[in-house]
Protein backbone atom coordinates (compact mmCIF):
# COMPACT_ATOMS: atom_id res chain seq x y z
CA UNK A 1 0.00 0.00 0.00
CA UNK A 2 1.40 3.36 -1.05
CA UNK A 3 1.91 6.11 1.52
CA UNK A 4 -0.55 8.95 1.29
CA UNK A 5 0.69 12.25 -0.07
CA UNK A 6 1.61 14.62 2.84
CA UNK A 7 -0.31 17.51 1.25
CA UNK A 8 -3.40 15.31 0.89
CA UNK A 9 -3.12 14.34 4.56
CA UNK A 10 -2.88 18.00 5.53
CA UNK A 11 -5.96 18.92 3.50
CA UNK A 12 -7.80 15.94 4.97
CA UNK A 13 -6.95 17.18 8.50
CA UNK A 14 -8.32 20.63 7.64
CA UNK A 15 -11.60 19.09 6.47
CA UNK A 16 -11.86 16.97 9.63
CA UNK A 17 -14.70 18.96 11.34
CA UNK A 18 -16.72 18.81 8.09
CA UNK A 19 -16.16 15.11 7.46
CA UNK A 20 -17.15 14.22 11.01
CA UNK A 21 -20.70 15.44 10.40
CA UNK A 22 -23.16 12.77 9.21
CA UNK A 23 -25.75 15.35 8.22
CA UNK A 24 -25.30 19.06 7.74
CA UNK A 25 -28.40 21.23 8.22
CA UNK A 26 -29.09 24.01 5.78
CA UNK A 27 -26.49 26.79 6.16
CA UNK A 28 -24.27 24.71 8.50
CA UNK A 29 -21.71 23.92 5.78
CA UNK A 30 -21.11 27.59 5.06
CA UNK A 31 -20.76 28.39 8.76
CA UNK A 32 -18.26 25.58 9.33
CA UNK A 33 -16.19 26.60 6.29
CA UNK A 34 -16.04 30.20 7.56
CA UNK A 35 -14.93 28.93 10.97
CA UNK A 36 -12.18 26.80 9.40
CA UNK A 37 -11.01 29.73 7.26
CA UNK A 38 -10.50 31.87 10.38
CA UNK A 39 -8.05 29.41 11.93
CA UNK A 40 -4.26 29.41 11.64
CA UNK A 41 -2.55 26.41 10.04
CA UNK A 42 1.01 25.20 9.57
CA UNK A 43 0.70 24.89 5.79
CA UNK A 44 3.41 22.72 4.14
CA UNK A 45 5.70 24.51 1.71
CA UNK A 46 4.65 28.05 2.54
CA UNK A 47 4.84 30.67 5.27
CA UNK A 48 1.13 31.51 5.00
CA UNK A 49 -1.07 30.40 7.86
CA UNK A 50 -4.63 31.02 6.51
CA UNK A 51 -6.72 29.17 3.90
CA UNK A 52 -9.49 30.82 1.88
CA UNK A 53 -13.15 29.75 2.14
CA UNK A 54 -13.42 28.85 -1.55
CA UNK A 55 -10.30 26.69 -1.33
CA UNK A 56 -11.70 24.74 1.63
CA UNK A 57 -15.01 24.36 -0.18
CA UNK A 58 -13.30 23.00 -3.34
CA UNK A 59 -11.38 20.48 -1.22
CA UNK A 60 -14.62 19.33 0.45
CA UNK A 61 -16.51 18.69 -2.80
CA UNK A 62 -13.44 17.02 -4.37
CA UNK A 63 -13.28 14.64 -1.41
CA UNK A 64 -16.98 13.85 -1.75
CA UNK A 65 -16.45 12.94 -5.45
CA UNK A 66 -13.23 10.89 -5.34
CA UNK A 67 -12.19 10.51 -1.70
CA UNK A 68 -8.76 11.37 -0.31
CA UNK A 69 -7.03 10.77 -3.66
CA UNK A 70 -8.76 13.90 -4.94
CA UNK A 71 -6.85 15.94 -2.35
CA UNK A 72 -3.47 15.08 -3.86
CA UNK A 73 -2.11 18.18 -5.66
CA UNK A 74 -2.27 17.83 -9.43
CA UNK A 75 0.78 18.42 -11.61
CA UNK A 76 0.26 20.51 -14.74
CA UNK A 77 0.68 18.53 -17.94
CA UNK A 78 2.38 21.51 -19.60
CA UNK A 79 4.71 22.25 -16.69
CA UNK A 80 8.08 23.51 -17.90
CA UNK A 81 6.92 23.73 -21.53
CA UNK A 82 6.91 26.99 -23.44
CA UNK A 83 3.96 28.00 -25.61
CA UNK A 84 6.07 30.37 -27.70
CA UNK A 85 6.41 29.51 -31.42
CA UNK A 86 9.36 27.22 -32.07
CA UNK A 87 11.06 29.83 -34.28
CA UNK A 88 11.01 32.39 -31.48
CA UNK A 89 12.21 29.77 -28.97
CA UNK A 90 15.21 28.96 -31.15
CA UNK A 91 16.00 32.65 -31.63
CA UNK A 92 15.76 33.35 -27.90
CA UNK A 93 18.01 30.42 -26.97
CA UNK A 94 20.57 31.38 -29.61
CA UNK A 95 20.63 35.03 -28.45
CA UNK A 96 21.04 33.99 -24.83
CA UNK A 97 23.88 31.59 -25.58
CA UNK A 98 25.66 34.23 -27.68
CA UNK A 99 25.62 36.64 -24.72
CA UNK A 100 24.66 35.02 -21.37
CA UNK A 101 24.52 38.46 -19.71
CA UNK A 102 21.47 39.49 -21.73
CA UNK A 103 18.44 40.02 -19.50
CA UNK A 104 14.91 38.88 -20.31
CA UNK A 105 13.93 42.43 -21.24
CA UNK A 106 16.93 42.66 -23.59
CA UNK A 107 16.01 39.36 -25.24
CA UNK A 108 12.40 40.46 -25.79
CA UNK A 109 13.56 43.80 -27.22
CA UNK A 110 15.94 41.97 -29.52
CA UNK A 111 13.10 39.75 -30.82
CA UNK A 112 10.92 42.79 -31.48
CA UNK A 113 13.66 44.83 -33.18
CA UNK A 114 14.68 41.89 -35.39
CA UNK A 115 11.07 41.40 -36.51
CA UNK A 116 10.69 37.95 -34.98
CA UNK A 117 7.75 39.00 -32.83
CA UNK A 118 5.31 41.90 -32.65
CA UNK A 119 5.62 44.34 -29.77
CA UNK A 120 4.00 43.05 -26.58
CA UNK A 121 3.43 39.48 -27.84
CA UNK A 122 6.31 37.81 -25.93
CA UNK A 123 5.52 37.56 -22.18
CA UNK A 124 8.39 37.74 -19.70
CA UNK A 125 7.11 34.65 -17.86
CA UNK A 126 7.24 32.57 -21.05
CA UNK A 127 10.81 33.61 -21.75
CA UNK A 128 11.79 32.85 -18.16
CA UNK A 129 10.28 29.34 -18.31
CA UNK A 130 12.06 28.69 -21.59
CA UNK A 131 15.45 29.74 -20.26
CA UNK A 132 14.94 27.84 -17.00
CA UNK A 133 14.01 24.67 -18.87
CA UNK A 134 17.31 24.84 -20.78
CA UNK A 135 19.43 25.84 -17.77
CA UNK A 136 20.01 29.40 -19.01
CA UNK A 137 17.94 31.33 -16.49
CA UNK A 138 20.97 32.92 -14.77
CA UNK A 139 24.64 33.33 -15.67
CA UNK A 140 27.44 31.77 -13.66
CA UNK A 141 28.34 33.95 -10.67
CA UNK A 142 25.08 35.88 -10.70
CA UNK A 143 23.88 37.42 -7.46
CA UNK A 144 20.84 35.13 -7.48
CA UNK A 145 22.95 31.99 -7.93
CA UNK A 146 22.64 29.56 -5.07
CA UNK A 147 25.44 29.93 -2.55
CA UNK A 148 27.29 26.86 -1.37
CA UNK A 149 26.95 26.00 2.31
CA UNK A 150 29.02 23.44 4.18
CA UNK A 151 28.61 22.08 7.68
CA UNK A 152 31.67 22.88 9.73
CA UNK A 153 33.00 22.44 13.24
CA UNK A 154 35.90 24.07 15.07
CA UNK A 155 38.75 21.67 15.70
CA UNK A 156 39.41 22.76 19.28
CA UNK A 157 37.42 24.41 22.04
CA UNK A 158 38.13 28.12 22.12
CA UNK A 159 38.77 28.40 18.37
CA UNK A 160 35.32 29.81 17.54
CA UNK A 161 32.62 31.35 19.71
CA UNK A 162 29.24 32.16 18.22
CA UNK A 163 27.01 34.92 19.59
CA UNK A 164 23.33 35.67 19.12
CA UNK A 165 20.27 37.17 20.85
CA UNK A 166 16.88 35.50 21.40
CA UNK A 167 13.67 37.24 22.41
CA UNK A 168 12.62 36.09 25.87
CA UNK A 169 9.52 36.38 28.07
CA UNK A 170 8.16 39.49 29.75
CA UNK A 171 9.43 39.87 33.32
CA UNK A 172 9.45 42.53 36.06
CA UNK A 173 12.39 44.87 35.41
CA UNK A 174 12.89 47.94 37.59
CA UNK A 175 9.33 47.73 38.85
CA UNK A 176 7.55 47.27 35.53
CA UNK A 177 6.85 44.44 33.10
CA UNK A 178 8.95 44.38 29.95
CA UNK A 179 10.38 41.91 27.46
CA UNK A 180 13.85 40.58 28.22
CA UNK A 181 16.43 39.19 25.79
CA UNK A 182 18.67 36.14 26.08
CA UNK A 183 22.23 37.01 25.03
CA UNK A 184 24.34 33.87 24.53
CA UNK A 185 27.87 32.91 23.49
CA UNK A 186 28.48 29.27 22.50
CA UNK A 187 31.75 27.45 21.93
CA UNK A 188 31.45 25.88 18.48
CA UNK A 189 33.55 22.76 19.10
CA UNK A 190 31.95 21.69 22.41
CA UNK A 191 28.46 23.31 22.23
CA UNK A 192 29.19 24.65 25.72
CA UNK A 193 27.59 27.98 26.60
CA UNK A 194 30.57 30.07 27.66
CA UNK A 195 28.03 32.48 29.13
CA UNK A 196 24.36 33.26 28.66
CA UNK A 197 22.20 35.80 30.45
CA UNK A 198 18.81 37.49 30.22
CA UNK A 199 19.31 41.22 29.66
CA UNK A 200 16.87 44.15 29.63
CA UNK A 201 17.90 44.97 26.06
CA UNK A 202 19.88 43.76 23.07
CA UNK A 203 22.31 46.67 22.87
CA UNK A 204 26.08 46.59 22.58
CA UNK A 205 26.44 47.17 26.32
CA UNK A 206 24.42 44.02 27.09
CA UNK A 207 26.52 41.95 24.67
CA UNK A 208 29.76 43.35 26.11
CA UNK A 209 28.67 42.38 29.63
CA UNK A 210 28.02 38.79 28.55
CA UNK A 211 31.34 38.66 26.69
CA UNK A 212 33.22 39.85 29.78
CA UNK A 213 31.70 37.13 31.98
CA UNK A 214 32.38 34.49 29.31
CA UNK A 215 36.05 35.48 29.16
CA UNK A 216 36.39 35.38 32.94
CA UNK A 217 35.00 31.84 33.01
CA UNK A 218 36.24 30.28 29.76
CA UNK A 219 39.30 32.20 28.56
CA UNK A 220 39.78 33.99 25.25
CA UNK A 221 38.38 32.78 21.90
CA UNK A 222 40.32 33.11 18.68
CA UNK A 223 37.23 34.15 16.66
CA UNK A 224 33.86 35.57 17.64
CA UNK A 225 31.17 35.03 14.98
CA UNK A 226 28.15 37.35 15.20
CA UNK A 227 25.48 38.72 12.89
CA UNK A 228 25.30 42.15 11.26
CA UNK A 229 23.06 43.83 13.83
CA UNK A 230 23.81 47.37 14.93
CA UNK A 231 24.75 46.20 18.43
CA UNK A 232 27.49 43.94 17.05
CA UNK A 233 28.71 46.69 14.73
CA UNK A 234 29.24 49.11 17.63
CA UNK A 235 32.72 50.65 17.74
CA UNK A 236 32.93 49.91 21.48
CA UNK A 237 32.59 46.15 20.91
CA UNK A 238 35.05 46.29 18.02
CA UNK A 239 37.55 48.15 20.20
CA UNK A 240 37.22 45.62 23.04
CA UNK A 241 37.82 42.68 20.69
CA UNK A 242 40.82 44.45 19.13
CA UNK A 243 42.41 45.08 22.55
CA UNK A 244 41.86 41.43 23.54
CA UNK A 245 43.14 40.03 20.23
CA UNK A 246 39.76 38.50 19.28
CA UNK A 247 38.93 38.34 15.56
CA UNK A 248 35.38 39.67 15.19
CA UNK A 249 33.69 37.95 12.22
CA UNK A 250 30.33 39.05 10.81
CA UNK A 251 27.90 36.67 9.11
CA UNK A 252 26.49 37.45 5.71
CA UNK A 253 23.21 39.41 6.06
CA UNK A 254 20.07 37.23 6.22
CA UNK A 255 22.16 34.05 6.45
CA UNK A 256 21.44 32.42 9.84
CA UNK A 257 23.08 29.19 8.65
CA UNK A 258 26.43 30.39 9.97
CA UNK A 259 24.99 30.32 13.50
CA UNK A 260 23.07 27.08 13.03
CA UNK A 261 24.34 25.41 16.21
CA UNK A 262 23.26 28.32 18.37
CA UNK A 263 19.92 28.58 16.56
CA UNK A 264 19.37 24.88 17.29
CA UNK A 265 20.24 25.47 20.94
CA UNK A 266 17.62 28.24 21.09
CA UNK A 267 15.01 25.68 20.07
CA UNK A 268 16.23 23.29 22.78
CA UNK A 269 16.15 26.15 25.26
CA UNK A 270 12.54 26.96 24.46
CA UNK A 271 11.47 23.31 24.66
CA UNK A 272 13.35 22.42 27.83
CA UNK A 273 13.75 25.62 29.86
CA UNK A 274 11.03 28.12 28.98
CA UNK A 275 8.32 25.46 28.91
CA UNK A 276 9.25 24.41 32.47
CA UNK A 277 9.56 27.95 33.80
CA UNK A 278 7.00 29.01 36.41
CA UNK A 279 6.55 32.80 36.08
CA UNK A 280 4.81 33.03 39.46
CA UNK A 281 8.10 32.15 41.17
CA UNK A 282 10.19 34.74 39.30
CA UNK A 283 10.57 37.96 41.27
CA UNK A 284 12.93 39.90 38.98
CA UNK A 285 15.62 39.61 36.32
CA UNK A 286 18.24 38.36 38.78
CA UNK A 287 15.90 35.60 39.88
CA UNK A 288 15.37 34.54 36.27
CA UNK A 289 19.12 34.47 35.56
CA UNK A 290 19.78 32.43 38.68
CA UNK A 291 17.51 29.70 37.33
CA UNK A 292 19.07 29.95 33.87
CA UNK A 293 22.62 29.45 35.16
CA UNK A 294 21.55 26.56 37.41
CA UNK A 295 19.85 24.83 34.45
CA UNK A 296 22.92 25.30 32.24
CA UNK A 297 25.46 23.96 34.74
CA UNK A 298 23.46 21.06 36.17
CA UNK A 299 21.45 19.89 33.14
CA UNK A 300 22.52 21.13 29.72
CA UNK A 301 26.30 21.03 30.17
CA UNK A 302 26.18 17.56 31.76
CA UNK A 303 23.81 15.87 29.31
CA UNK A 304 25.31 13.75 26.48
CA UNK A 305 25.07 15.49 23.12
CA UNK A 306 24.33 13.44 19.99
CA UNK A 307 26.62 15.60 17.83
CA UNK A 308 29.52 15.07 20.28
CA UNK A 309 29.53 11.29 19.94
CA UNK A 310 27.99 10.78 23.35
CA UNK A 311 30.15 13.30 25.21
CA UNK A 312 28.64 16.08 27.28
CA UNK A 313 29.45 19.70 26.33
CA UNK A 314 31.46 20.06 29.54
CA UNK A 315 33.52 16.92 28.85
CA UNK A 316 34.25 18.03 25.28
CA UNK A 317 35.32 21.47 26.48
CA UNK A 318 37.56 20.09 29.25
CA UNK A 319 39.25 17.85 26.70
CA UNK A 320 40.93 20.95 25.19
CA UNK A 321 41.71 22.83 28.42
CA UNK A 322 45.49 22.85 27.73
CA UNK A 323 44.82 24.76 24.48
CA UNK A 324 42.53 27.42 25.96
CA UNK A 325 44.03 30.93 25.77
CA UNK A 326 44.01 32.62 29.17
CA UNK A 327 44.05 36.32 29.95
CA UNK A 328 47.51 36.13 31.51
CA UNK A 329 48.87 39.55 32.52
CA UNK A 330 45.73 41.19 31.08
CA UNK A 331 43.56 39.69 33.82
CA UNK A 332 44.48 42.48 36.25
CA UNK A 333 43.42 45.10 33.69
CA UNK A 334 40.32 43.39 32.30
CA UNK A 335 37.99 46.13 33.57
CA UNK A 336 40.11 48.75 31.83
CA UNK A 337 40.01 46.78 28.57
CA UNK A 338 36.19 46.90 28.65
CA UNK A 339 36.03 50.65 29.29
CA UNK A 340 34.53 52.70 26.48
CA UNK A 341 36.72 55.23 24.66
CA UNK A 342 34.81 58.26 23.40
CA UNK A 343 36.38 61.00 21.30
CA UNK A 344 36.02 64.50 22.75
CA UNK A 345 37.54 67.94 22.20
CA UNK A 346 38.63 69.74 25.37
CA UNK A 347 37.05 73.18 25.74
CA UNK A 348 39.05 76.30 26.50
CA UNK A 349 38.03 76.03 30.15
CA UNK A 350 39.54 72.54 30.39
CA UNK A 351 36.26 70.60 30.41
CA UNK A 352 34.62 67.86 28.34
CA UNK A 353 31.00 66.67 28.30
CA UNK A 354 29.47 63.22 28.74
CA UNK A 355 25.78 62.32 29.20
CA UNK A 356 24.89 65.99 29.74
CA UNK A 357 27.55 66.44 32.46
CA UNK A 358 30.81 68.35 32.31
CA UNK A 359 34.10 67.01 33.60
CA UNK A 360 37.41 68.75 34.22
CA UNK A 361 40.61 67.37 32.71
CA UNK A 362 44.18 68.74 32.96
CA UNK A 363 44.07 72.31 31.73
CA UNK A 364 47.07 71.75 29.44
CA UNK A 365 44.80 69.63 27.18
CA UNK A 366 42.56 72.58 26.24
CA UNK A 367 41.88 72.61 22.50
CA UNK A 368 43.11 69.05 21.97
CA UNK A 369 41.17 65.95 20.85
CA UNK A 370 41.32 63.23 23.50
CA UNK A 371 39.73 59.85 24.28
CA UNK A 372 37.37 60.01 27.24
CA UNK A 373 37.63 56.75 29.22
CA UNK A 374 34.22 55.74 30.60
CA UNK A 375 33.01 52.85 32.77
CA UNK A 376 29.82 52.20 30.73
CA UNK A 377 27.72 50.29 33.25
CA UNK A 378 28.11 52.89 36.02
CA UNK A 379 28.42 55.72 33.44
CA UNK A 380 31.45 56.95 35.34
CA UNK A 381 34.19 58.97 33.65
CA UNK A 382 37.57 57.54 34.64
CA UNK A 383 40.12 59.66 32.80
CA UNK A 384 41.46 60.72 29.44
CA UNK A 385 43.86 59.05 27.00
CA UNK A 386 45.50 59.95 23.73
CA UNK A 387 44.94 58.04 20.51
CA UNK A 388 47.72 55.59 21.47
CA UNK A 389 45.96 54.66 24.72
CA UNK A 390 48.41 56.53 26.97
CA UNK A 391 46.91 58.13 30.05
CA UNK A 392 46.78 61.94 30.03
CA UNK A 393 45.30 62.38 33.50
CA UNK A 394 42.06 62.09 35.42
CA UNK A 395 38.63 63.58 34.81
CA UNK A 396 36.60 64.94 37.71
CA UNK A 397 33.06 66.36 37.81
CA UNK A 398 32.97 70.11 37.27
CA UNK A 399 32.55 72.01 40.57
CA UNK A 400 31.64 75.61 39.78
CA UNK A 401 31.64 76.73 43.43
CA UNK A 402 35.09 75.29 44.08
CA UNK A 403 36.39 76.95 40.91
CA UNK A 404 35.17 80.28 42.26
CA UNK A 405 37.80 80.08 45.01
CA UNK A 406 40.53 78.28 43.10
CA UNK A 407 43.59 80.43 42.27
CA UNK A 408 44.22 80.70 38.54
CA UNK A 409 47.55 80.13 36.93
CA UNK A 410 48.70 83.23 35.06
CA UNK A 411 51.17 83.42 32.20
CA UNK A 412 54.67 84.59 33.21
CA UNK A 413 55.23 88.36 32.64
CA UNK A 414 58.33 89.34 30.69
CA UNK A 415 61.26 90.61 32.75
CA UNK A 416 61.25 94.43 32.96
CA UNK A 417 64.22 95.93 31.21
CA UNK A 418 66.20 98.14 33.58
CA UNK A 419 69.39 100.11 33.18
CA UNK A 420 71.47 97.26 34.59
CA UNK A 421 69.91 94.65 32.33
CA UNK A 422 70.21 96.66 29.14
CA UNK A 423 72.92 95.56 26.73
CA UNK A 424 76.10 97.70 26.74
CA UNK A 425 75.88 98.18 23.01
CA UNK A 426 72.77 99.51 21.30
CA UNK A 427 72.42 99.87 17.58
CA UNK A 428 70.12 102.84 18.03
CA UNK A 429 72.54 104.76 20.27
CA UNK A 430 75.47 103.95 18.03
CA UNK A 431 73.62 105.23 14.98
CA UNK A 432 72.65 108.37 16.86
CA UNK A 433 76.23 109.10 17.91
CA UNK A 434 77.56 108.55 14.44
CA UNK A 435 74.96 110.68 12.72
CA UNK A 436 74.99 113.57 15.22
CA UNK A 437 78.68 113.62 16.07
CA UNK A 438 79.72 117.07 17.52
CA UNK A 439 83.11 118.76 17.50
CA UNK A 440 83.94 119.33 21.14
CA UNK A 441 86.23 122.29 20.37
CA UNK A 442 83.88 124.29 18.08
CA UNK A 443 80.56 122.90 19.14
CA UNK A 444 79.63 122.46 15.47
CA UNK A 445 78.04 119.38 14.12
CA UNK A 446 80.42 117.24 12.10
CA UNK A 447 79.61 115.43 8.92
CA UNK A 448 78.43 111.90 9.36
CA UNK A 449 80.97 109.14 9.21
CA UNK A 450 81.56 107.75 5.79
CA UNK A 451 82.26 104.25 7.06
CA UNK A 452 79.32 101.84 7.28
CA UNK A 453 77.78 101.31 10.68
CA UNK A 454 78.63 97.65 10.51
CA UNK A 455 82.36 98.50 10.31
CA UNK A 456 82.11 100.67 13.40
CA UNK A 457 80.32 97.89 15.25
CA UNK A 458 82.97 95.37 14.33
CA UNK A 459 85.74 97.71 15.48
CA UNK A 460 84.09 98.16 18.83
């Protein structure tokens, strides 16, 4: 006995409430069909979830005539065949093979200009079916050409981490109900969650917080694979990864296949964690995360994984512990590595602004562009650095009242020239004496010296 067609079985399940009725009173059929049309269905082969009334009615009468075999989808007898005249088909195929880059519109225009067909008599759909039937519908390397995908796995734990965000339930956050987001980082080789946490948002700051905890627990990854969302494109996250030596890799837009393992884990998480969660026992976000971390460490990480040949994620990760890159000397400065660096220009009064507040920096930096070092979670300004990351001093909140009493540094005044500090020789006085030389005996003014002033200066 042949298996029934899956589409026929689906249609039969839709008609179930109608077929269960032995006798339908007048008007009852129409009412039942309307009720079925208002339901949502998981329709095979499409993302639609509703079925029209006339479609359901046609299925019902087809079943009454021929039974369930009538619900099997019919294949068109002319499927893949072109109805264009053979002469035009040959001309189209020849033109396409001569220049594979010709578009459908160009081919139709060529047929019309060459006199093979009258204007408007060659439909685009017919040309497309013809080219597709002969394998000429797209040139090699076209943007619409199917991209090759390959399943892959990192050789060692710590080689590749994959990050993504999943929408979570609504929970009390800061006294009000709001949706929370699950930010997760998974080790590709072991499927171990290096860290995962529910966050109030899906911003760069939330992702950076999860990354910091993951590094503290599981060391440094070689690569971090994320999607193209704005949060992952943030300069702050890029700067943190650069300082830690992590290669930040972005997936191709609208290609979730690169994060398939984490996407699969999200499904497991929904089926095994969220379905067992009792919202009445969750007081706040911290309470929710406490249950998440307990579930990860006691259940998920210690359960054999089919893709790991019976090993648990924790066992597979521990297998490569000698290869895990540690923070080393950077551990003592991890907080500093996660600080945000924001470009600012120092005002003439030695201040910079951040989050609507003004901070004082060393006055010598006035007019210069500096990097403002900020602790992002506490929104606290730590200090200033130059573009090379060298510290230029601290930044303190502006205190206008204290500045009212603070003595100002004044520029040094030039030294006053007195008789004792004047040079013994003066070009002006020498020129005056030479030009207005007087004869002491007669008191008459003598003629000026003929010799240049420079000669007199040298002689002196």
